[in-house]
Amino acid sequence: MRFTILSDITEVETIALNRGIREVARLRKQYGRGRWRKRKGVATVLLADGTTRTAELHWYEAAGIGPKEYKIKRFLD
């Protein structure tokens, strides 16, 4: 699903670290070594059809690499 994040991400928390992430080998191969974290938070997003919704987002991030692969897990409104 294509979307654009319109607001700051709030209520950010870490779900998993390094070995707790199933895809850590793929992330290291694709983006490089780092201390990978799977994170979640809430933000307002603009969907491809032009609607604006509040959604729970999940993504991966590592120090020095930054956030990668945002995905919408569920809509909150």
Protein backbone atom coordinates (compact mmCIF):
# COMPACT_ATOMS: atom_id res chain seq x y z
CA MET A 1 0.00 0.00 0.00
CA ARG A 2 1.41 3.36 -0.99
CA PHE A 3 1.15 6.15 1.57
CA THR A 4 2.79 9.35 2.79
CA ILE A 5 3.36 10.14 6.46
CA LEU A 6 1.85 13.56 7.18
CA SER A 7 2.52 14.02 10.90
CA ASP A 8 5.24 13.25 13.39
CA ILE A 9 5.20 9.67 14.64
CA THR A 10 4.04 9.52 18.27
CA GLU A 11 3.81 6.76 20.88
CA VAL A 12 7.02 5.20 19.51
CA GLU A 13 8.14 1.95 21.13
CA THR A 14 10.63 -0.78 20.30
CA ILE A 15 9.07 -4.18 19.57
CA ALA A 16 12.22 -6.26 18.96
CA LEU A 17 16.03 -5.95 18.92
CA ASN A 18 18.62 -7.68 16.70
CA ARG A 19 18.09 -11.45 16.97
CA GLY A 20 14.47 -10.94 17.96
CA ILE A 21 13.82 -9.69 14.42
CA ARG A 22 13.06 -12.53 12.00
CA GLU A 23 14.42 -10.63 9.02
CA VAL A 24 17.64 -9.30 10.55
CA ALA A 25 19.86 -11.24 8.09
CA ARG A 26 18.02 -9.70 5.13
CA LEU A 27 18.19 -6.21 6.65
CA ARG A 28 21.95 -6.49 7.21
CA LYS A 29 22.48 -7.76 3.67
CA GLN A 30 20.31 -5.06 2.09
CA TYR A 31 21.17 -2.01 4.24
CA GLY A 32 24.32 -2.90 6.20
CA ARG A 33 25.35 -3.91 9.69
CA GLY A 34 23.92 -2.07 12.63
CA ARG A 35 21.93 -2.56 15.79
CA TRP A 36 18.56 -3.20 14.17
CA ARG A 37 15.31 -2.47 15.98
CA LYS A 38 11.73 -3.12 14.94
CA ARG A 39 9.64 -0.15 16.07
CA LYS A 40 6.02 0.92 16.10
CA GLY A 41 4.20 4.22 16.45
CA VAL A 42 1.11 6.20 15.49
CA ALA A 43 0.89 8.83 12.73
CA THR A 44 -1.51 10.47 10.30
CA VAL A 45 -1.01 9.12 6.78
CA LEU A 46 -2.23 10.12 3.32
CA LEU A 47 -3.30 7.09 1.31
CA ALA A 48 -3.00 6.68 -2.47
CA ASP A 49 -6.75 7.26 -2.90
CA GLY A 50 -6.44 10.70 -1.24
CA THR A 51 -7.95 9.85 2.15
CA THR A 52 -6.26 10.80 5.40
CA ARG A 53 -6.27 8.25 8.26
CA THR A 54 -4.59 7.71 11.61
CA ALA A 55 -2.62 4.48 11.50
CA GLU A 56 -0.29 2.30 13.52
CA LEU A 57 3.00 2.05 11.64
CA HIS A 58 5.78 -0.53 11.96
CA TRP A 59 9.30 -0.05 10.61
CA TYR A 60 12.92 -1.11 11.05
CA GLU A 61 15.73 1.24 12.04
CA ALA A 62 19.41 1.11 12.96
CA ALA A 63 21.84 3.73 14.24
CA GLY A 64 23.71 5.33 11.38
CA ILE A 65 21.31 3.86 8.81
CA GLY A 66 17.97 5.34 9.82
CA PRO A 67 14.39 4.14 9.44
CA LYS A 68 13.52 1.69 6.63
CA GLU A 69 10.45 -0.11 5.30
CA TYR A 70 7.47 1.64 6.87
CA LYS A 71 4.24 -0.37 6.78
CA ILE A 72 0.71 0.23 7.99
CA LYS A 73 -0.38 -2.43 10.46
CA ARG A 74 -3.86 -1.11 11.24
CA PHE A 75 -6.05 1.95 11.05
CA LEU A 76 -7.03 3.55 14.35
CA ASP A 77 -9.99 5.70 13.26
